[in-house]
Amino acid sequence: MRASRFTLAAAVLALLACPLAIIAPFALNVPPGPRGGISLSGLVGGIFAGYNVYAVWRSGRPHFAAAVMATVFGVWLILAPLQYDVDAPMIATTQFAGMVLASFGGFSALEAVQSRWVDAGERATTRD
């Protein structure tokens, strides 16, 4: 099965949001606590998003668990700066990265579910 261009683009965009979340706390001189929490969350989200890109590239369909975990880390990146006492640029940057990661990761998860249903439907019709 070959992935659509948008499916591959969504997986890549989710991955590209992660370096922003990793680098922003260092570039904006955030205190050590929030810096470590947000950067490591961006790193782990990037690992899941990267695996999802690999799955799309290799098999033509997103990996459901990796896409869901990328979405979870994206949601955390949206909420994390609100938990910490950080300035507005850090809040905006982290939330932007989180929204990109969560939205495109969520799309990939839904695409993975849909591709499973389509495959199951094709198998059912070939048996008849």
C-alpha atoms as a PDB file:
ATOM      1  CA  MET A   1       0.000   0.000   0.000  1.00  0.00           C
ATOM      2  CA  ARG A   2       1.335   3.406  -0.926  1.00  0.00           C
ATOM      3  CA  ALA A   3       0.751   6.387   1.351  1.00  0.00           C
ATOM      4  CA  SER A   4      -0.833   9.555   0.025  1.00  0.00           C
ATOM      5  CA  ARG A   5       1.325  12.655  -0.150  1.00  0.00           C
ATOM      6  CA  PHE A   6      -0.650  14.270   2.637  1.00  0.00           C
ATOM      7  CA  THR A   7      -0.227  11.270   4.929  1.00  0.00           C
ATOM      8  CA  LEU A   8       3.534  11.408   4.462  1.00  0.00           C
ATOM      9  CA  ALA A   9       3.558  15.216   4.775  1.00  0.00           C
ATOM     10  CA  ALA A  10       1.534  15.052   8.005  1.00  0.00           C
ATOM     11  CA  ALA A  11       3.957  12.560   9.521  1.00  0.00           C
ATOM     12  CA  VAL A  12       6.952  14.677   8.490  1.00  0.00           C
ATOM     13  CA  LEU A  13       5.393  17.909   9.808  1.00  0.00           C
ATOM     14  CA  ALA A  14       4.714  16.249  13.159  1.00  0.00           C
ATOM     15  CA  LEU A  15       8.371  15.252  13.288  1.00  0.00           C
ATOM     16  CA  LEU A  16       9.595  18.725  12.280  1.00  0.00           C
ATOM     17  CA  ALA A  17       7.688  20.350  15.151  1.00  0.00           C
ATOM     18  CA  CYS A  18       9.777  18.469  17.700  1.00  0.00           C
ATOM     19  CA  PRO A  19      13.134  20.238  17.186  1.00  0.00           C
ATOM     20  CA  LEU A  20      11.339  23.519  17.872  1.00  0.00           C
ATOM     21  CA  ALA A  21      10.153  22.185  21.237  1.00  0.00           C
ATOM     22  CA  ILE A  22      13.625  20.822  21.995  1.00  0.00           C
ATOM     23  CA  ILE A  23      15.594  23.959  21.094  1.00  0.00           C
ATOM     24  CA  ALA A  24      13.189  26.712  22.218  1.00  0.00           C
ATOM     25  CA  PRO A  25      13.794  26.371  25.991  1.00  0.00           C
ATOM     26  CA  PHE A  26      17.544  26.732  25.458  1.00  0.00           C
ATOM     27  CA  ALA A  27      17.237  29.578  22.949  1.00  0.00           C
ATOM     28  CA  LEU A  28      14.807  31.504  25.156  1.00  0.00           C
ATOM     29  CA  ASN A  29      16.887  31.003  28.326  1.00  0.00           C
ATOM     30  CA  VAL A  30      14.186  29.208  30.319  1.00  0.00           C
ATOM     31  CA  PRO A  31      14.968  28.073  33.908  1.00  0.00           C
ATOM     32  CA  PRO A  32      16.331  24.513  34.290  1.00  0.00           C
ATOM     33  CA  GLY A  33      13.111  22.806  35.455  1.00  0.00           C
ATOM     34  CA  PRO A  34      10.855  23.790  32.561  1.00  0.00           C
ATOM     35  CA  ARG A  35      13.788  23.586  30.149  1.00  0.00           C
ATOM     36  CA  GLY A  36      14.396  19.920  30.925  1.00  0.00           C
ATOM     37  CA  GLY A  37      10.742  18.926  31.024  1.00  0.00           C
ATOM     38  CA  ILE A  38       9.783  20.596  27.767  1.00  0.00           C
ATOM     39  CA  SER A  39      12.956  19.611  25.899  1.00  0.00           C
ATOM     40  CA  LEU A  40      12.722  15.966  26.924  1.00  0.00           C
ATOM     41  CA  SER A  41       9.026  15.873  26.054  1.00  0.00           C
ATOM     42  CA  GLY A  42       9.879  17.239  22.617  1.00  0.00           C
ATOM     43  CA  LEU A  43      12.604  14.623  22.253  1.00  0.00           C
ATOM     44  CA  VAL A  44      10.357  11.701  23.195  1.00  0.00           C
ATOM     45  CA  GLY A  45       7.545  13.050  21.017  1.00  0.00           C
ATOM     46  CA  GLY A  46      10.087  13.283  18.202  1.00  0.00           C
ATOM     47  CA  ILE A  47      11.067   9.651  18.662  1.00  0.00           C
ATOM     48  CA  PHE A  48       7.442   8.556  18.272  1.00  0.00           C
ATOM     49  CA  ALA A  49       6.874  10.947  15.363  1.00  0.00           C
ATOM     50  CA  GLY A  50      10.079   9.707  13.720  1.00  0.00           C
ATOM     51  CA  TYR A  51       8.984   6.103  14.031  1.00  0.00           C
ATOM     52  CA  ASN A  52       5.674   7.087  12.489  1.00  0.00           C
ATOM     53  CA  VAL A  53       7.479   8.685   9.515  1.00  0.00           C
ATOM     54  CA  TYR A  54       9.501   5.491   9.141  1.00  0.00           C
ATOM     55  CA  ALA A  55       6.319   3.391   9.191  1.00  0.00           C
ATOM     56  CA  VAL A  56       4.644   5.572   6.557  1.00  0.00           C
ATOM     57  CA  TRP A  57       7.745   5.509   4.394  1.00  0.00           C
ATOM     58  CA  ARG A  58       8.261   1.765   4.748  1.00  0.00           C
ATOM     59  CA  SER A  59       4.744   0.302   4.717  1.00  0.00           C
ATOM     60  CA  GLY A  60       2.641   3.133   3.325  1.00  0.00           C
ATOM     61  CA  ARG A  61       0.529   3.467   6.450  1.00  0.00           C
ATOM     62  CA  PRO A  62       1.052   5.221   9.785  1.00  0.00           C
ATOM     63  CA  HIS A  63       1.767   3.227  12.916  1.00  0.00           C
ATOM     64  CA  PHE A  64      -1.219   3.699  15.221  1.00  0.00           C
ATOM     65  CA  ALA A  65       0.559   3.483  18.579  1.00  0.00           C
ATOM     66  CA  ALA A  66       3.389   5.802  17.511  1.00  0.00           C
ATOM     67  CA  ALA A  67       0.910   8.339  16.140  1.00  0.00           C
ATOM     68  CA  VAL A  68      -1.174   8.246  19.323  1.00  0.00           C
ATOM     69  CA  MET A  69       1.893   8.711  21.523  1.00  0.00           C
ATOM     70  CA  ALA A  70       3.085  11.608  19.349  1.00  0.00           C
ATOM     71  CA  THR A  71      -0.363  13.153  19.787  1.00  0.00           C
ATOM     72  CA  VAL A  72      -0.202  12.690  23.563  1.00  0.00           C
ATOM     73  CA  PHE A  73       3.177  14.413  23.724  1.00  0.00           C
ATOM     74  CA  GLY A  74       1.835  17.174  21.476  1.00  0.00           C
ATOM     75  CA  VAL A  75      -1.042  17.778  23.881  1.00  0.00           C
ATOM     76  CA  TRP A  76       1.428  17.807  26.770  1.00  0.00           C
ATOM     77  CA  LEU A  77       3.533  20.419  24.952  1.00  0.00           C
ATOM     78  CA  ILE A  78       0.411  22.569  24.628  1.00  0.00           C
ATOM     79  CA  LEU A  79      -0.284  22.290  28.368  1.00  0.00           C
ATOM     80  CA  ALA A  80       3.269  22.196  29.774  1.00  0.00           C
ATOM     81  CA  PRO A  81       4.142  25.896  29.542  1.00  0.00           C
ATOM     82  CA  LEU A  82       0.971  26.714  31.451  1.00  0.00           C
ATOM     83  CA  GLN A  83       2.228  24.569  34.340  1.00  0.00           C
ATOM     84  CA  TYR A  84       5.521  26.432  34.522  1.00  0.00           C
ATOM     85  CA  ASP A  85       6.262  30.087  35.164  1.00  0.00           C
ATOM     86  CA  VAL A  86       7.659  30.995  31.733  1.00  0.00           C
ATOM     87  CA  ASP A  87       7.443  34.065  29.519  1.00  0.00           C
ATOM     88  CA  ALA A  88       5.034  34.573  26.623  1.00  0.00           C
ATOM     89  CA  PRO A  89       7.538  33.723  23.846  1.00  0.00           C
ATOM     90  CA  MET A  90       8.189  30.343  25.449  1.00  0.00           C
ATOM     91  CA  ILE A  91       4.479  29.674  25.875  1.00  0.00           C
ATOM     92  CA  ALA A  92       3.753  30.581  22.250  1.00  0.00           C
ATOM     93  CA  THR A  93       6.663  28.602  20.826  1.00  0.00           C
ATOM     94  CA  THR A  94       5.985  25.465  22.829  1.00  0.00           C
ATOM     95  CA  GLN A  95       2.258  25.579  22.210  1.00  0.00           C
ATOM     96  CA  PHE A  96       2.818  26.055  18.468  1.00  0.00           C
ATOM     97  CA  ALA A  97       5.099  23.017  18.361  1.00  0.00           C
ATOM     98  CA  GLY A  98       2.594  21.068  20.452  1.00  0.00           C
ATOM     99  CA  MET A  99      -0.325  21.997  18.199  1.00  0.00           C
ATOM    100  CA  VAL A 100       1.547  20.909  15.082  1.00  0.00           C
ATOM    101  CA  LEU A 101       2.647  17.651  16.721  1.00  0.00           C
ATOM    102  CA  ALA A 102      -0.798  16.896  18.191  1.00  0.00           C
ATOM    103  CA  SER A 103      -2.819  17.765  15.102  1.00  0.00           C
ATOM    104  CA  PHE A 104      -0.701  15.911  12.558  1.00  0.00           C
ATOM    105  CA  GLY A 105      -0.031  13.044  14.956  1.00  0.00           C
ATOM    106  CA  GLY A 106      -3.769  12.747  15.529  1.00  0.00           C
ATOM    107  CA  PHE A 107      -4.384  12.765  11.789  1.00  0.00           C
ATOM    108  CA  SER A 108      -1.846   9.973  11.384  1.00  0.00           C
ATOM    109  CA  ALA A 109      -3.567   7.934  14.101  1.00  0.00           C
ATOM    110  CA  LEU A 110      -6.937   8.324  12.385  1.00  0.00           C
ATOM    111  CA  GLU A 111      -5.356   7.473   9.045  1.00  0.00           C
ATOM    112  CA  ALA A 112      -3.922   4.290  10.585  1.00  0.00           C
ATOM    113  CA  VAL A 113      -7.364   3.282  11.858  1.00  0.00           C
ATOM    114  CA  GLN A 114      -8.973   4.030   8.503  1.00  0.00           C
ATOM    115  CA  SER A 115      -6.371   2.036   6.587  1.00  0.00           C
ATOM    116  CA  ARG A 116      -7.008  -0.958   8.866  1.00  0.00           C
ATOM    117  CA  TRP A 117     -10.749  -0.738   8.193  1.00  0.00           C
ATOM    118  CA  VAL A 118     -10.202  -0.459   4.448  1.00  0.00           C
ATOM    119  CA  ASP A 119      -7.861  -3.466   4.489  1.00  0.00           C
ATOM    120  CA  ALA A 120     -10.358  -5.472   6.549  1.00  0.00           C
ATOM    121  CA  GLY A 121     -13.146  -4.563   4.121  1.00  0.00           C
ATOM    122  CA  GLU A 122     -11.061  -5.594   1.118  1.00  0.00           C
ATOM    123  CA  ARG A 123     -10.222  -8.926   2.740  1.00  0.00           C
ATOM    124  CA  ALA A 124     -13.890  -9.538   3.532  1.00  0.00           C
ATOM    125  CA  THR A 125     -14.982  -8.867  -0.054  1.00  0.00           C
ATOM    126  CA  THR A 126     -12.306 -11.141  -1.517  1.00  0.00           C
ATOM    127  CA  ARG A 127     -13.509 -14.047   0.648  1.00  0.00           C
ATOM    128  CA  ASP A 128     -17.069 -13.817  -0.697  1.00  0.00           C
END
